[in-house]
Amino acid sequence: MLPALPTILGPDPTELLDAALGPGGGRVHSAGLSQVSWWPGRSLSAVFQARVSFGPGNKLQDQRFVMATGTSIPAGVLELEGADGAPPPGEAEEEPAEGDVRT
């Protein structure tokens, strides 16, 4: 079962991408799904094309991002949530600010 499937393939990926880019000062202006790889019950990978900027007044850039869920996640990726729904290992538990959403 892949509980993140509806979130990853939802109508607007910008919230998830903003969660990944936000800590580095990035902001997603638009994003669209460009490719999906799905192994039923095992894994899902989705590739997104996005227009992003880093910092106020910075030029928009075209970037490609991959979101994945499943039994094995490649090394070196940014984990927004661990397999048990908790923050990934090594990240401090902290309460989200009002209005923040954990993914």
N, C-alpha and C. Protein backbone atom coordinates (compact mmCIF):
# COMPACT_ATOMS: atom_id res chain seq x y z
N MET A 1 0.84 -1.18 0.00
CA MET A 1 0.00 0.00 0.00
C MET A 1 0.89 1.25 0.00
N LEU A 2 0.52 2.23 -0.77
CA LEU A 2 1.29 3.47 -0.88
C LEU A 2 0.41 4.66 -0.47
N PRO A 3 0.38 4.97 0.83
CA PRO A 3 -0.51 6.04 1.29
C PRO A 3 -0.19 7.42 0.72
N ALA A 4 1.03 7.65 0.27
CA ALA A 4 1.38 8.96 -0.28
C ALA A 4 0.95 9.13 -1.74
N LEU A 5 0.49 8.06 -2.38
CA LEU A 5 0.12 8.13 -3.79
C LEU A 5 -0.86 9.26 -4.10
N PRO A 6 -1.98 9.40 -3.39
CA PRO A 6 -2.91 10.48 -3.72
C PRO A 6 -2.30 11.88 -3.51
N THR A 7 -1.41 12.01 -2.54
CA THR A 7 -0.78 13.31 -2.30
C THR A 7 0.18 13.65 -3.44
N ILE A 8 1.00 12.70 -3.83
CA ILE A 8 1.98 12.95 -4.89
C ILE A 8 1.29 13.21 -6.22
N LEU A 9 0.23 12.48 -6.51
CA LEU A 9 -0.47 12.64 -7.78
C LEU A 9 -1.66 13.57 -7.68
N GLY A 10 -1.74 14.34 -6.60
CA GLY A 10 -2.84 15.27 -6.42
C GLY A 10 -2.85 16.37 -7.47
N PRO A 11 -3.87 17.22 -7.44
CA PRO A 11 -4.02 18.23 -8.48
C PRO A 11 -2.97 19.35 -8.46
N ASP A 12 -2.33 19.61 -7.31
CA ASP A 12 -1.38 20.71 -7.24
C ASP A 12 -0.12 20.30 -6.47
N PRO A 13 0.97 20.01 -7.19
CA PRO A 13 2.19 19.56 -6.53
C PRO A 13 3.01 20.69 -5.88
N THR A 14 2.60 21.93 -6.04
CA THR A 14 3.42 23.04 -5.55
C THR A 14 3.60 23.01 -4.04
N GLU A 15 2.61 22.55 -3.27
CA GLU A 15 2.74 22.52 -1.81
C GLU A 15 3.87 21.59 -1.38
N LEU A 16 3.92 20.39 -1.98
CA LEU A 16 4.98 19.45 -1.64
C LEU A 16 6.35 19.97 -2.08
N LEU A 17 6.42 20.53 -3.28
CA LEU A 17 7.69 21.06 -3.76
C LEU A 17 8.15 22.25 -2.93
N ASP A 18 7.22 23.10 -2.53
CA ASP A 18 7.56 24.22 -1.65
C ASP A 18 8.11 23.73 -0.31
N ALA A 19 7.58 22.62 0.20
CA ALA A 19 8.08 22.07 1.46
C ALA A 19 9.54 21.65 1.33
N ALA A 20 9.92 21.18 0.16
CA ALA A 20 11.31 20.77 -0.06
C ALA A 20 12.22 21.97 -0.31
N LEU A 21 11.74 22.96 -1.04
CA LEU A 21 12.57 24.10 -1.42
C LEU A 21 12.58 25.23 -0.40
N GLY A 22 11.52 25.35 0.37
CA GLY A 22 11.37 26.45 1.30
C GLY A 22 12.53 26.68 2.24
N PRO A 23 13.06 25.64 2.90
CA PRO A 23 14.18 25.85 3.82
C PRO A 23 15.42 26.46 3.16
N GLY A 24 15.57 26.28 1.86
CA GLY A 24 16.72 26.84 1.14
C GLY A 24 16.39 28.17 0.47
N GLY A 25 15.23 28.73 0.79
CA GLY A 25 14.83 30.01 0.21
C GLY A 25 14.18 29.90 -1.15
N GLY A 26 13.84 28.68 -1.56
CA GLY A 26 13.21 28.49 -2.86
C GLY A 26 11.71 28.61 -2.81
N ARG A 27 11.14 28.95 -3.96
CA ARG A 27 9.69 29.07 -4.07
C ARG A 27 9.26 28.53 -5.43
N VAL A 28 8.22 27.71 -5.43
CA VAL A 28 7.68 27.16 -6.67
C VAL A 28 6.60 28.10 -7.18
N HIS A 29 6.72 28.52 -8.43
CA HIS A 29 5.73 29.41 -9.04
C HIS A 29 4.70 28.63 -9.84
N SER A 30 5.14 27.53 -10.46
CA SER A 30 4.21 26.64 -11.16
C SER A 30 4.90 25.29 -11.30
N ALA A 31 4.09 24.25 -11.42
CA ALA A 31 4.64 22.90 -11.56
C ALA A 31 3.62 22.02 -12.25
N GLY A 32 4.12 21.06 -12.99
CA GLY A 32 3.25 20.10 -13.66
C GLY A 32 3.90 18.74 -13.72
N LEU A 33 3.08 17.73 -13.67
CA LEU A 33 3.52 16.35 -13.73
C LEU A 33 3.96 16.03 -15.15
N SER A 34 5.15 15.42 -15.31
CA SER A 34 5.61 15.08 -16.65
C SER A 34 5.82 13.57 -16.87
N GLN A 35 5.98 12.80 -15.80
CA GLN A 35 6.20 11.36 -15.96
C GLN A 35 5.89 10.63 -14.65
N VAL A 36 5.35 9.43 -14.76
CA VAL A 36 5.04 8.61 -13.59
C VAL A 36 5.54 7.18 -13.83
N SER A 37 6.16 6.62 -12.82
CA SER A 37 6.55 5.20 -12.82
C SER A 37 5.89 4.57 -11.60
N TRP A 38 5.05 3.57 -11.84
CA TRP A 38 4.27 2.98 -10.75
C TRP A 38 4.39 1.46 -10.78
N TRP A 39 4.80 0.91 -9.66
CA TRP A 39 4.79 -0.53 -9.44
C TRP A 39 3.73 -0.78 -8.38
N PRO A 40 2.54 -1.22 -8.76
CA PRO A 40 1.43 -1.34 -7.80
C PRO A 40 1.84 -2.04 -6.51
N GLY A 41 1.57 -1.35 -5.40
CA GLY A 41 1.86 -1.88 -4.08
C GLY A 41 3.31 -1.78 -3.66
N ARG A 42 4.22 -1.40 -4.58
CA ARG A 42 5.66 -1.36 -4.27
C ARG A 42 6.24 0.03 -4.26
N SER A 43 6.04 0.78 -5.34
CA SER A 43 6.66 2.10 -5.41
C SER A 43 5.97 2.99 -6.42
N LEU A 44 6.19 4.28 -6.24
CA LEU A 44 5.70 5.30 -7.16
C LEU A 44 6.76 6.37 -7.25
N SER A 45 7.10 6.75 -8.46
CA SER A 45 7.99 7.89 -8.71
C SER A 45 7.29 8.81 -9.68
N ALA A 46 7.31 10.09 -9.38
CA ALA A 46 6.68 11.07 -10.25
C ALA A 46 7.68 12.19 -10.53
N VAL A 47 7.81 12.54 -11.81
CA VAL A 47 8.72 13.61 -12.24
C VAL A 47 7.89 14.85 -12.54
N PHE A 48 8.35 15.99 -11.98
CA PHE A 48 7.66 17.25 -12.17
C PHE A 48 8.58 18.27 -12.81
N GLN A 49 8.05 19.04 -13.75
CA GLN A 49 8.73 20.20 -14.30
C GLN A 49 8.20 21.40 -13.51
N ALA A 50 9.08 22.27 -13.05
CA ALA A 50 8.64 23.39 -12.22
C ALA A 50 9.39 24.67 -12.58
N ARG A 51 8.72 25.80 -12.38
CA ARG A 51 9.34 27.12 -12.47
C ARG A 51 9.57 27.56 -11.04
N VAL A 52 10.83 27.79 -10.67
CA VAL A 52 11.17 28.12 -9.29
C VAL A 52 12.07 29.35 -9.24
N SER A 53 12.11 29.98 -8.07
CA SER A 53 13.05 31.08 -7.82
C SER A 53 13.65 30.85 -6.44
N PHE A 54 14.84 31.39 -6.26
CA PHE A 54 15.54 31.27 -4.98
C PHE A 54 15.86 32.67 -4.48
N GLY A 55 15.06 33.16 -3.54
CA GLY A 55 15.24 34.49 -2.97
C GLY A 55 14.41 35.52 -3.71
N PRO A 56 14.07 36.61 -3.01
CA PRO A 56 13.25 37.66 -3.60
C PRO A 56 13.96 38.30 -4.80
N GLY A 57 13.21 38.52 -5.85
CA GLY A 57 13.74 39.21 -7.02
C GLY A 57 14.62 38.36 -7.91
N ASN A 58 14.84 37.10 -7.56
CA ASN A 58 15.69 36.24 -8.39
C ASN A 58 14.93 35.74 -9.61
N LYS A 59 15.66 35.49 -10.66
CA LYS A 59 15.13 35.04 -11.92
C LYS A 59 14.47 33.66 -11.78
N LEU A 60 13.37 33.45 -12.51
CA LEU A 60 12.72 32.14 -12.53
C LEU A 60 13.60 31.16 -13.28
N GLN A 61 13.64 29.93 -12.78
CA GLN A 61 14.43 28.87 -13.39
C GLN A 61 13.52 27.66 -13.64
N ASP A 62 13.79 26.96 -14.72
CA ASP A 62 13.11 25.69 -14.97
C ASP A 62 13.90 24.59 -14.28
N GLN A 63 13.22 23.80 -13.46
CA GLN A 63 13.87 22.71 -12.72
C GLN A 63 13.02 21.45 -12.85
N ARG A 64 13.66 20.31 -12.67
CA ARG A 64 12.96 19.03 -12.67
C ARG A 64 13.13 18.42 -11.28
N PHE A 65 12.04 17.89 -10.73
CA PHE A 65 12.04 17.28 -9.41
C PHE A 65 11.39 15.91 -9.48
N VAL A 66 11.84 15.01 -8.62
CA VAL A 66 11.25 13.68 -8.53
C VAL A 66 10.72 13.48 -7.13
N MET A 67 9.48 13.04 -7.03
CA MET A 67 8.90 12.63 -5.75
C MET A 67 8.73 11.13 -5.81
N ALA A 68 9.06 10.45 -4.71
CA ALA A 68 8.97 8.99 -4.69
C ALA A 68 8.45 8.51 -3.36
N THR A 69 7.79 7.36 -3.40
CA THR A 69 7.35 6.68 -2.20
C THR A 69 7.43 5.18 -2.48
N GLY A 70 7.62 4.41 -1.45
CA GLY A 70 7.66 2.97 -1.64
C GLY A 70 8.57 2.28 -0.67
N THR A 71 8.89 1.03 -1.00
CA THR A 71 9.67 0.20 -0.10
C THR A 71 11.15 0.55 -0.12
N SER A 72 11.63 1.17 -1.20
CA SER A 72 13.04 1.59 -1.24
C SER A 72 13.14 2.96 -1.88
N ILE A 73 13.78 3.86 -1.17
CA ILE A 73 13.97 5.23 -1.64
C ILE A 73 15.46 5.40 -1.92
N PRO A 74 15.81 5.99 -3.06
CA PRO A 74 17.23 6.14 -3.39
C PRO A 74 18.00 6.95 -2.34
N ALA A 75 19.27 6.63 -2.18
CA ALA A 75 20.14 7.37 -1.26
C ALA A 75 20.32 8.81 -1.75
N GLY A 76 20.49 9.72 -0.81
CA GLY A 76 20.78 11.11 -1.15
C GLY A 76 19.57 11.97 -1.41
N VAL A 77 18.38 11.46 -1.18
CA VAL A 77 17.18 12.26 -1.42
C VAL A 77 16.78 13.00 -0.14
N LEU A 78 16.01 14.05 -0.29
CA LEU A 78 15.45 14.78 0.83
C LEU A 78 14.17 14.07 1.25
N GLU A 79 14.15 13.54 2.46
CA GLU A 79 12.95 12.87 2.96
C GLU A 79 12.10 13.88 3.70
N LEU A 80 10.85 14.03 3.26
CA LEU A 80 9.92 14.93 3.93
C LEU A 80 9.20 14.22 5.06
N GLU A 81 9.12 12.89 4.98
CA GLU A 81 8.47 12.11 6.02
C GLU A 81 9.02 10.71 5.98
N GLY A 82 9.28 10.14 7.15
CA GLY A 82 9.77 8.77 7.22
C GLY A 82 8.65 7.78 6.95
N ALA A 83 9.01 6.51 6.85
CA ALA A 83 8.04 5.46 6.53
C ALA A 83 6.93 5.36 7.57
N ASP A 84 7.24 5.73 8.82
CA ASP A 84 6.23 5.64 9.88
C ASP A 84 5.45 6.95 10.06
N GLY A 85 5.65 7.91 9.14
CA GLY A 85 4.94 9.18 9.24
C GLY A 85 5.66 10.21 10.07
N ALA A 86 6.80 9.83 10.65
CA ALA A 86 7.58 10.76 11.49
C ALA A 86 8.63 11.46 10.63
N PRO A 87 9.18 12.57 11.13
CA PRO A 87 10.28 13.20 10.40
C PRO A 87 11.41 12.20 10.20
N PRO A 88 12.20 12.35 9.14
CA PRO A 88 13.29 11.43 8.89
C PRO A 88 14.29 11.40 10.04
N PRO A 89 15.05 10.32 10.16
CA PRO A 89 16.05 10.23 11.23
C PRO A 89 17.02 11.40 11.18
N GLY A 90 17.37 11.90 12.37
CA GLY A 90 18.33 13.00 12.44
C GLY A 90 17.70 14.38 12.42
N GLU A 91 16.41 14.47 12.14
CA GLU A 91 15.76 15.76 12.15
C GLU A 91 15.05 15.94 13.48
N ALA A 92 15.19 17.11 14.04
CA ALA A 92 14.59 17.40 15.34
C ALA A 92 13.08 17.44 15.23
N GLU A 93 12.45 16.90 16.23
CA GLU A 93 11.00 17.03 16.32
C GLU A 93 10.68 18.44 16.75
N GLU A 94 9.90 19.11 15.98
CA GLU A 94 9.45 20.43 16.38
C GLU A 94 8.04 20.63 15.89
N GLU A 95 7.33 21.45 16.60
CA GLU A 95 5.95 21.71 16.22
C GLU A 95 5.95 22.59 14.98
N PRO A 96 5.09 22.25 13.98
CA PRO A 96 5.00 23.13 12.82
C PRO A 96 4.37 24.46 13.22
N ALA A 97 4.83 25.53 12.57
CA ALA A 97 4.26 26.84 12.82
C ALA A 97 2.80 26.83 12.38
N GLU A 98 2.01 27.74 12.92
CA GLU A 98 0.61 27.83 12.55
C GLU A 98 0.49 27.97 11.04
N GLY A 99 -0.34 27.15 10.43
CA GLY A 99 -0.53 27.20 8.99
C GLY A 99 0.39 26.27 8.23
N ASP A 100 1.45 25.74 8.87
CA ASP A 100 2.36 24.82 8.18
C ASP A 100 1.71 23.44 8.08
N VAL A 101 2.07 22.75 7.04
CA VAL A 101 1.57 21.39 6.84
C VAL A 101 2.77 20.48 6.68
N ARG A 102 2.82 19.40 7.44
CA ARG A 102 3.88 18.41 7.27
C ARG A 102 3.45 17.43 6.21
N THR A 103 4.39 17.06 5.36
CA THR A 103 4.07 16.11 4.29
C THR A 103 4.92 14.88 4.45
